[in-house]
């Protein structure tokens, strides 16, 4: 039932599709591309770099758009659209997630690919940035249909991915099993097993121990370091964590283990709050038991909005994007904020929180444990030598502390926010690489 491959590769243009990153109340939200370019410009204002390099970084190198026909279980064929946006590879192969979601667009992939460039540079990883996905509701697919979709999409983008070209990873709507199918489809066409083509795979086929818990672990490490930076003691620090998925639960449990008092956690249905502290290990994460937080007979029930406005020492928004907005930024009572989710703070809220003197540690540092352990997985695949979980944790700790110190140095040296300090570090590394390599004539 399948048709022949149809692939279109285009140079990028300004996007029109809007993403949910609103500025001031009442204004149109800016697109993912616009947000990424604004962050680039803010960082460039603080650096003495060639403006031509900045102009080049406003545009991804390529965007691949493909048609993905899939035979459904009833014998009918549906045709979906897939994308792979490759932003920059001056520091190494492209790296970034693949998502299955109805709202996947070309321009979303472009903007998210740019953010991956900055995230990899912040962590000083030898990768560039990319992002991709298929515009499909994964909940509408059976397991067999999802496998057929993945294998066909892999075939369509096979010429532009690879362990030294572009290395996908899980994202919204995809998981380790999806990556295993992708790796197998790619390997079958290449005639040899190539586990390094993707990361986030099950360990039995070349995945890394500790990969799924890595973003939450890195969030906890950054929380610990920022609390120490502001001369506070983690022991007894009151923490509210929005979310209880993989990132939020792993972060909350580590902070609990390290002596912090986690007073609130939440899921899509609401939050539980106990000022004396919750036993985070007794609350099932979303992976363990979906939507179980508010079914626990503990504490006081709150809404997610009320959790965000709790008077706590540390707030960790680790659920979804755009939860700190112009509408609630003046009501945030936390002393410190560490972003666990991608993009939880809108532009307008960022400015309000900065004016109020509330430090916000950005997502491109805090949750970068995922891409960092993906790098470890890539190394293990290339060398065909697995690491122990203890080694993964030790190496992640070292990488996070190194990245934290680099950003703290810029923060203390310049009159900027933590977010701008992170982007300054990232842009300076990418720009230096571009200036060293030069422009192909």
Protein backbone atom coordinates (compact mmCIF):
# COMPACT_ATOMS: atom_id res chain seq x y z
CA UNK A 1 0.00 0.00 0.00
CA UNK A 2 3.00 2.30 0.41
CA UNK A 3 3.96 4.78 -2.25
CA UNK A 4 7.44 5.87 -3.27
CA UNK A 5 9.42 8.35 -1.21
CA UNK A 6 8.57 12.01 -1.65
CA UNK A 7 10.94 14.44 0.02
CA UNK A 8 11.15 18.21 -0.23
CA UNK A 9 14.16 20.09 1.09
CA UNK A 10 13.75 23.84 1.34
CA UNK A 11 15.71 26.79 2.60
CA UNK A 12 14.01 28.49 5.52
CA UNK A 13 11.90 31.62 5.51
CA UNK A 14 10.19 33.56 8.26
CA UNK A 15 7.45 31.47 9.88
CA UNK A 16 3.86 32.52 10.39
CA UNK A 17 2.56 29.73 12.63
CA UNK A 18 2.19 31.02 16.17
CA UNK A 19 3.50 29.29 19.27
CA UNK A 20 2.23 29.83 22.79
CA UNK A 21 4.83 32.30 24.04
CA UNK A 22 2.76 35.43 24.65
CA UNK A 23 4.29 38.76 25.37
CA UNK A 24 2.25 41.50 27.03
CA UNK A 25 -1.37 40.69 27.74
CA UNK A 26 -3.49 41.27 24.67
CA UNK A 27 -0.70 41.00 22.11
CA UNK A 28 -0.30 38.27 19.56
CA UNK A 29 1.90 35.41 20.75
CA UNK A 30 5.20 35.18 18.96
CA UNK A 31 6.23 32.18 16.92
CA UNK A 32 8.89 29.75 18.09
CA UNK A 33 11.21 31.21 15.44
CA UNK A 34 10.58 34.76 16.66
CA UNK A 35 11.24 33.74 20.25
CA UNK A 36 14.49 31.99 19.35
CA UNK A 37 15.67 34.97 17.31
CA UNK A 38 14.81 37.39 20.10
CA UNK A 39 16.84 35.37 22.57
CA UNK A 40 19.71 35.30 20.07
CA UNK A 41 19.58 39.09 19.68
CA UNK A 42 19.50 39.68 23.45
CA UNK A 43 22.65 37.61 23.89
CA UNK A 44 24.39 39.21 20.90
CA UNK A 45 23.87 42.66 22.41
CA UNK A 46 26.27 41.70 25.20
CA UNK A 47 28.99 40.23 22.99
CA UNK A 48 31.50 41.64 20.55
CA UNK A 49 30.93 39.19 17.73
CA UNK A 50 30.67 39.45 13.97
CA UNK A 51 27.10 40.53 13.14
CA UNK A 52 27.28 38.35 10.04
CA UNK A 53 27.58 35.30 12.31
CA UNK A 54 24.48 36.41 14.21
CA UNK A 55 22.62 36.84 10.93
CA UNK A 56 23.58 33.31 9.86
CA UNK A 57 22.34 31.89 13.17
CA UNK A 58 18.88 33.41 12.64
CA UNK A 59 18.29 30.80 9.96
CA UNK A 60 18.52 27.01 10.06
CA UNK A 61 20.66 25.36 7.45
CA UNK A 62 17.87 23.16 6.08
CA UNK A 63 14.32 22.10 6.72
CA UNK A 64 13.22 18.74 5.36
CA UNK A 65 9.51 18.18 4.78
CA UNK A 66 8.32 14.69 3.91
CA UNK A 67 5.11 12.87 3.15
CA UNK A 68 4.47 9.83 5.35
CA UNK A 69 1.77 7.45 4.08
CA UNK A 70 0.70 4.88 6.65
CA UNK A 71 -1.55 1.87 6.20
CA UNK A 72 -4.07 1.73 9.05
CA UNK A 73 -5.17 -1.49 10.69
CA UNK A 74 -8.39 -1.47 8.65
CA UNK A 75 -6.46 -1.37 5.36
CA UNK A 76 -7.05 2.32 4.62
CA UNK A 77 -4.14 4.70 4.08
CA UNK A 78 -3.66 8.04 5.83
CA UNK A 79 -0.99 10.49 4.77
CA UNK A 80 0.84 12.58 7.37
CA UNK A 81 3.45 15.32 7.09
CA UNK A 82 6.83 15.02 8.78
CA UNK A 83 9.63 17.52 9.33
CA UNK A 84 13.27 17.63 10.30
CA UNK A 85 14.69 21.12 10.87
CA UNK A 86 18.49 21.25 11.06
CA UNK A 87 19.63 24.55 12.52
CA UNK A 88 23.40 24.48 12.97
CA UNK A 89 26.17 21.88 12.93
CA UNK A 90 29.29 23.99 13.31
CA UNK A 91 30.17 22.23 16.61
CA UNK A 92 29.13 18.72 15.61
CA UNK A 93 26.23 16.60 14.31
CA UNK A 94 22.71 17.92 14.60
CA UNK A 95 20.93 16.75 17.76
CA UNK A 96 17.32 17.01 18.82
CA UNK A 97 14.04 15.28 19.49
CA UNK A 98 11.33 13.81 17.27
CA UNK A 99 7.77 14.48 18.38
CA UNK A 100 4.42 13.02 17.34
CA UNK A 101 1.76 15.66 17.96
CA UNK A 102 -1.12 17.16 15.97
CA UNK A 103 0.36 20.66 16.28
CA UNK A 104 3.80 19.84 14.86
CA UNK A 105 4.64 22.46 12.23
CA UNK A 106 7.61 23.41 10.15
CA UNK A 107 8.13 26.63 12.07
CA UNK A 108 7.83 25.01 15.48
CA UNK A 109 10.58 22.60 14.46
CA UNK A 110 12.74 25.49 13.25
CA UNK A 111 12.43 27.38 16.54
CA UNK A 112 12.95 24.31 18.71
CA UNK A 113 15.95 23.32 16.60
CA UNK A 114 17.52 26.71 17.32
CA UNK A 115 16.95 26.20 21.06
CA UNK A 116 18.69 22.83 20.84
CA UNK A 117 21.74 24.57 19.38
CA UNK A 118 21.87 26.83 22.44
CA UNK A 119 21.23 23.97 24.88
CA UNK A 120 24.05 21.84 23.46
CA UNK A 121 26.38 24.85 23.47
CA UNK A 122 25.49 25.73 27.08
CA UNK A 123 26.53 22.20 28.06
CA UNK A 124 29.59 22.42 25.75
CA UNK A 125 28.53 19.24 23.95
CA UNK A 126 29.93 18.54 20.44
CA UNK A 127 26.48 18.78 18.84
CA UNK A 128 24.42 21.27 16.91
CA UNK A 129 20.67 21.71 17.08
CA UNK A 130 17.77 20.06 15.26
CA UNK A 131 14.13 19.18 15.84
CA UNK A 132 11.54 17.21 13.96
CA UNK A 133 8.36 15.26 14.10
CA UNK A 134 5.14 14.20 12.45
CA UNK A 135 1.85 16.07 12.59
CA UNK A 136 -0.25 13.25 14.04
CA UNK A 137 -2.15 12.48 17.22
CA UNK A 138 -0.25 9.46 18.60
CA UNK A 139 -3.26 8.51 20.74
CA UNK A 140 -5.17 7.82 17.53
CA UNK A 141 -2.62 5.18 16.48
CA UNK A 142 -2.48 1.55 17.51
CA UNK A 143 0.94 0.20 18.44
CA UNK A 144 1.22 -1.42 15.01
CA UNK A 145 0.25 1.81 13.25
CA UNK A 146 2.76 3.79 15.31
CA UNK A 147 5.47 1.33 14.36
CA UNK A 148 4.58 1.56 10.67
CA UNK A 149 4.57 5.36 10.90
CA UNK A 150 7.97 5.38 12.57
CA UNK A 151 9.57 3.01 10.09
CA UNK A 152 8.19 4.91 7.09
CA UNK A 153 9.22 8.29 8.52
CA UNK A 154 12.70 6.88 9.13
CA UNK A 155 12.93 5.82 5.49
CA UNK A 156 11.87 9.28 4.33
CA UNK A 157 14.57 11.08 6.36
CA UNK A 158 17.21 8.33 6.21
CA UNK A 159 19.52 10.30 3.92
CA UNK A 160 19.76 13.23 6.34
CA UNK A 161 20.21 11.42 9.68
CA UNK A 162 23.02 9.25 11.01
CA UNK A 163 25.44 9.02 13.94
CA UNK A 164 27.75 11.65 12.40
CA UNK A 165 25.02 13.70 10.69
CA UNK A 166 21.88 14.11 12.77
CA UNK A 167 20.90 12.12 15.86
CA UNK A 168 17.20 12.13 16.86
CA UNK A 169 15.86 11.42 20.35
CA UNK A 170 12.45 10.99 22.05
CA UNK A 171 10.14 13.94 22.52
CA UNK A 172 6.40 14.48 22.96
CA UNK A 173 4.47 11.46 21.76
CA UNK A 174 7.56 9.30 21.24
CA UNK A 175 9.47 7.07 23.65
CA UNK A 176 12.31 4.53 23.87
CA UNK A 177 10.32 1.98 21.87
CA UNK A 178 9.86 4.54 19.07
CA UNK A 179 13.61 5.09 19.02
CA UNK A 180 14.22 1.33 18.89
CA UNK A 181 11.99 1.08 15.81
CA UNK A 182 13.78 4.02 14.21
CA UNK A 183 17.20 2.52 14.91
CA UNK A 184 16.12 -0.85 13.52
CA UNK A 185 14.62 0.65 10.35
CA UNK A 186 17.75 2.71 9.71
CA UNK A 187 20.05 -0.22 10.44
CA UNK A 188 18.15 -2.60 8.15
CA UNK A 189 18.54 -0.19 5.24
CA UNK A 190 22.23 0.37 5.99
CA UNK A 191 22.89 -3.37 6.27
CA UNK A 192 24.46 -3.18 9.74
CA UNK A 193 23.38 -2.39 13.28
CA UNK A 194 23.98 1.31 13.96
CA UNK A 195 22.73 2.11 17.48
CA UNK A 196 24.28 5.60 17.43
CA UNK A 197 21.74 6.91 14.93
CA UNK A 198 19.35 7.75 17.79
CA UNK A 199 19.52 8.20 21.54
CA UNK A 200 16.92 7.49 24.19
CA UNK A 201 16.68 3.82 23.21
CA UNK A 202 16.07 0.95 25.63
CA UNK A 203 19.40 -0.16 27.18
CA UNK A 204 18.99 -3.64 25.68
CA UNK A 205 19.57 -2.16 22.19
CA UNK A 206 22.23 0.39 23.04
CA UNK A 207 20.45 2.88 25.24
CA UNK A 208 22.10 4.36 28.30
CA UNK A 209 21.24 3.65 31.90
CA UNK A 210 19.93 6.78 33.58
CA UNK A 211 18.71 8.46 30.40
CA UNK A 212 15.02 8.75 31.29
CA UNK A 213 15.72 10.18 34.73
CA UNK A 214 18.47 12.55 33.56
CA UNK A 215 16.43 15.75 32.98
CA UNK A 216 14.95 15.53 36.48
CA UNK A 217 18.35 14.79 37.99
CA UNK A 218 19.88 17.81 36.30
CA UNK A 219 17.02 20.01 37.54
CA UNK A 220 17.71 18.84 41.09
CA UNK A 221 21.44 19.48 40.73
CA UNK A 222 20.82 23.03 39.50
CA UNK A 223 18.31 23.64 42.32
CA UNK A 224 20.93 22.56 44.85
CA UNK A 225 23.56 24.84 43.32
CA UNK A 226 21.34 27.91 43.03
CA UNK A 227 20.19 27.54 46.64
CA UNK A 228 23.84 27.43 47.69
CA UNK A 229 24.68 30.42 45.46
CA UNK A 230 22.17 32.54 47.36
CA UNK A 231 23.69 31.45 50.69
CA UNK A 232 20.80 29.24 51.71
CA UNK A 233 20.78 25.74 53.13
CA UNK A 234 19.02 23.11 51.03
CA UNK A 235 18.04 21.36 54.26
CA UNK A 236 14.65 22.80 55.11
CA UNK A 237 14.27 24.74 51.86
CA UNK A 238 10.55 24.73 50.99
CA UNK A 239 10.05 23.60 47.38
CA UNK A 240 6.92 23.53 45.21
CA UNK A 241 7.13 21.42 42.06
CA UNK A 242 4.51 21.81 39.36
CA UNK A 243 4.09 18.45 37.66
CA UNK A 244 4.83 14.87 38.60
CA UNK A 245 5.93 13.31 35.36
CA UNK A 246 9.43 12.02 34.73
CA UNK A 247 11.19 15.37 35.12
CA UNK A 248 9.20 16.66 38.07
CA UNK A 249 9.08 13.40 40.03
CA UNK A 250 12.78 12.68 39.66
CA UNK A 251 13.67 16.24 40.65
CA UNK A 252 11.30 16.27 43.62
CA UNK A 253 12.49 12.91 44.96
CA UNK A 254 16.17 13.84 44.68
CA UNK A 255 15.60 17.17 46.42
CA UNK A 256 13.65 15.32 49.12
CA UNK A 257 16.53 12.85 49.52
CA UNK A 258 19.02 15.72 49.77
CA UNK A 259 17.13 17.36 52.65
CA UNK A 260 14.79 19.86 50.99
CA UNK A 261 11.17 20.05 52.13
CA UNK A 262 8.97 19.40 49.10
CA UNK A 263 5.67 20.97 50.14
CA UNK A 264 3.67 20.65 46.91
CA UNK A 265 3.51 18.59 43.71
CA UNK A 266 0.82 18.33 41.04
CA UNK A 267 -0.55 16.65 37.95
CA UNK A 268 -3.09 17.72 35.34
CA UNK A 269 -5.95 17.42 37.88
CA UNK A 270 -4.44 19.62 40.59
CA UNK A 271 -1.92 19.70 43.42
CA UNK A 272 -1.39 18.43 46.95
CA UNK A 273 0.16 20.75 49.54
CA UNK A 274 1.55 20.12 53.01
CA UNK A 275 3.67 22.87 54.60
CA UNK A 276 5.39 20.23 56.75
CA UNK A 277 6.56 18.37 53.65
CA UNK A 278 5.40 15.47 51.47
CA UNK A 279 6.92 12.01 51.22
CA UNK A 280 7.64 12.21 47.52
CA UNK A 281 8.49 8.51 47.25
CA UNK A 282 4.98 7.58 48.43
CA UNK A 283 3.32 9.62 45.67
CA UNK A 284 3.20 7.72 42.35
CA UNK A 285 4.72 9.53 39.40
CA UNK A 286 2.75 9.80 36.18
CA UNK A 287 4.75 6.89 34.73
CA UNK A 288 3.97 4.74 37.76
CA UNK A 289 0.27 5.58 38.01
CA UNK A 290 -1.14 8.28 35.71
CA UNK A 291 -2.98 11.19 37.35
CA UNK A 292 -2.59 9.79 40.87
CA UNK A 293 -1.37 12.89 42.72
CA UNK A 294 -4.76 14.20 43.81
CA UNK A 295 -6.01 10.72 44.68
CA UNK A 296 -3.56 10.52 47.60
CA UNK A 297 -5.12 11.00 51.03
CA UNK A 298 -2.58 13.63 52.06
CA UNK A 299 -2.30 17.37 52.52
CA UNK A 300 -4.57 20.02 51.07
CA UNK A 301 -5.83 20.00 47.51
CA UNK A 302 -4.93 23.03 45.39
CA UNK A 303 -5.20 23.99 41.76
CA UNK A 304 -2.08 24.17 39.61
CA UNK A 305 -2.44 27.94 39.53
CA UNK A 306 -2.53 28.06 43.33
CA UNK A 307 0.61 25.91 43.53
CA UNK A 308 2.49 28.44 41.39
CA UNK A 309 1.61 31.23 43.82
CA UNK A 310 2.62 29.45 47.04
CA UNK A 311 4.96 31.34 49.39
CA UNK A 312 7.95 28.99 49.11
CA UNK A 313 11.70 29.31 48.89
CA UNK A 314 11.97 27.57 45.51
CA UNK A 315 9.45 27.05 42.71
CA UNK A 316 10.11 24.44 40.00
CA UNK A 317 7.62 24.63 37.10
CA UNK A 318 8.25 21.22 35.55
CA UNK A 319 5.03 20.33 33.78
CA UNK A 320 4.20 22.33 30.64
CA UNK A 321 5.19 25.56 28.95
CA UNK A 322 3.83 29.06 29.46
CA UNK A 323 2.53 28.73 33.02
CA UNK A 324 4.27 31.85 34.36
CA UNK A 325 2.63 34.69 32.46
CA UNK A 326 1.90 38.39 32.64
CA UNK A 327 -1.34 37.49 34.39
CA UNK A 328 0.27 35.76 37.39
CA UNK A 329 3.88 36.99 37.53
CA UNK A 330 3.04 39.68 40.09
CA UNK A 331 1.50 37.02 42.33
CA UNK A 332 4.47 34.65 42.33
CA UNK A 333 5.69 34.49 45.94
CA UNK A 334 8.68 32.15 45.54
CA UNK A 335 12.14 33.53 46.21
CA UNK A 336 13.81 31.47 43.46
CA UNK A 337 12.59 29.76 40.27
CA UNK A 338 14.26 26.90 38.39
CA UNK A 339 12.65 25.95 35.09
CA UNK A 340 12.14 22.20 34.77
CA UNK A 341 9.77 22.27 31.79
CA UNK A 342 10.67 23.72 28.41
CA UNK A 343 9.57 27.33 28.19
CA UNK A 344 7.43 27.65 31.34
CA UNK A 345 8.01 31.42 31.55
CA UNK A 346 6.65 33.82 28.92
CA UNK A 347 8.58 36.87 27.78
CA UNK A 348 6.34 39.25 29.68
CA UNK A 349 6.54 37.20 32.89
CA UNK A 350 10.32 37.02 32.57
CA UNK A 351 10.52 40.80 32.53
CA UNK A 352 8.15 41.19 35.48
CA UNK A 353 10.02 38.62 37.57
CA UNK A 354 13.34 40.32 36.74
CA UNK A 355 11.94 43.69 37.80
CA UNK A 356 10.77 42.10 41.05
CA UNK A 357 14.24 40.66 41.68
CA UNK A 358 13.18 37.01 41.50
CA UNK A 359 15.96 34.94 39.90
CA UNK A 360 14.85 32.54 37.14
CA UNK A 361 17.29 29.78 36.17
CA UNK A 362 16.52 28.88 32.53
CA UNK A 363 15.44 25.56 31.10
CA UNK A 364 18.36 25.33 28.66
CA UNK A 365 20.59 24.73 31.66
CA UNK A 366 18.30 23.14 34.24
CA UNK A 367 16.79 20.32 32.18
CA UNK A 368 19.84 19.75 29.95
CA UNK A 369 20.54 16.44 31.67
CA UNK A 370 18.53 14.74 28.92
CA UNK A 371 20.71 15.82 26.03
CA UNK A 372 23.83 15.38 28.16
CA UNK A 373 23.09 11.73 28.90
CA UNK A 374 22.10 11.36 25.24
CA UNK A 375 25.66 12.42 24.49
CA UNK A 376 26.89 9.75 26.90
CA UNK A 377 24.68 7.21 25.11
CA UNK A 378 26.12 8.26 21.75
CA UNK A 379 29.65 7.76 23.10
CA UNK A 380 28.73 4.33 24.46
CA UNK A 381 27.23 3.32 21.10
CA UNK A 382 30.28 4.48 19.14
CA UNK A 383 32.64 2.64 21.47
CA UNK A 384 30.33 -0.37 21.96
CA UNK A 385 30.95 -0.15 25.69
CA UNK A 386 28.14 0.40 28.21
CA UNK A 387 28.57 2.56 31.29
CA UNK A 388 27.30 1.74 34.77
CA UNK A 389 24.52 3.84 36.28
CA UNK A 390 26.97 5.21 38.85
CA UNK A 391 29.28 6.39 36.09
CA UNK A 392 26.40 8.05 34.24
CA UNK A 393 25.39 9.89 37.42
CA UNK A 394 28.97 10.92 38.20
CA UNK A 395 29.60 12.15 34.66
CA UNK A 396 26.31 14.06 34.61
CA UNK A 397 27.13 15.71 37.93
CA UNK A 398 30.49 16.85 36.57
CA UNK A 399 29.00 18.22 33.34
CA UNK A 400 26.20 20.07 35.14
CA UNK A 401 28.60 21.67 37.63
CA UNK A 402 30.90 22.77 34.82
CA UNK A 403 28.00 24.33 32.91
CA UNK A 404 26.68 25.98 36.07
CA UNK A 405 30.06 27.55 36.82
CA UNK A 406 30.35 28.88 33.28
CA UNK A 407 26.96 30.57 33.48
CA UNK A 408 27.54 31.85 37.01
CA UNK A 409 30.77 33.47 35.86
CA UNK A 410 28.92 35.41 33.14
CA UNK A 411 26.08 36.27 35.51
CA UNK A 412 28.45 37.73 38.08
CA UNK A 413 30.59 39.51 35.47
CA UNK A 414 27.73 41.20 33.62
CA UNK A 415 24.57 43.01 34.69
CA UNK A 416 22.25 40.42 33.10
CA UNK A 417 19.62 37.88 34.09
CA UNK A 418 20.45 34.21 34.49
CA UNK A 419 18.69 33.52 31.20
CA UNK A 420 20.78 36.06 29.32
CA UNK A 421 23.93 34.70 30.98
CA UNK A 422 23.11 31.22 29.66
CA UNK A 423 22.49 32.49 26.14
CA UNK A 424 25.68 34.55 26.25
CA UNK A 425 27.67 31.41 27.07
CA UNK A 426 25.93 29.47 24.30
CA UNK A 427 26.22 32.13 21.62
CA UNK A 428 29.86 32.87 22.36
CA UNK A 429 30.75 29.20 21.85
CA UNK A 430 28.77 28.85 18.64
CA UNK A 431 30.05 32.17 17.28
CA UNK A 432 33.67 31.29 18.06
CA UNK A 433 33.25 28.03 16.14
CA UNK A 434 31.74 29.84 13.15
CA UNK A 435 34.50 32.44 13.12
CA UNK A 436 37.17 29.73 13.32
CA UNK A 437 35.68 27.66 10.50
CA UNK A 438 34.79 30.63 8.30
CA UNK A 439 32.21 30.91 5.53
CA UNK A 440 32.31 28.50 2.57
CA UNK A 441 32.85 30.69 -0.53
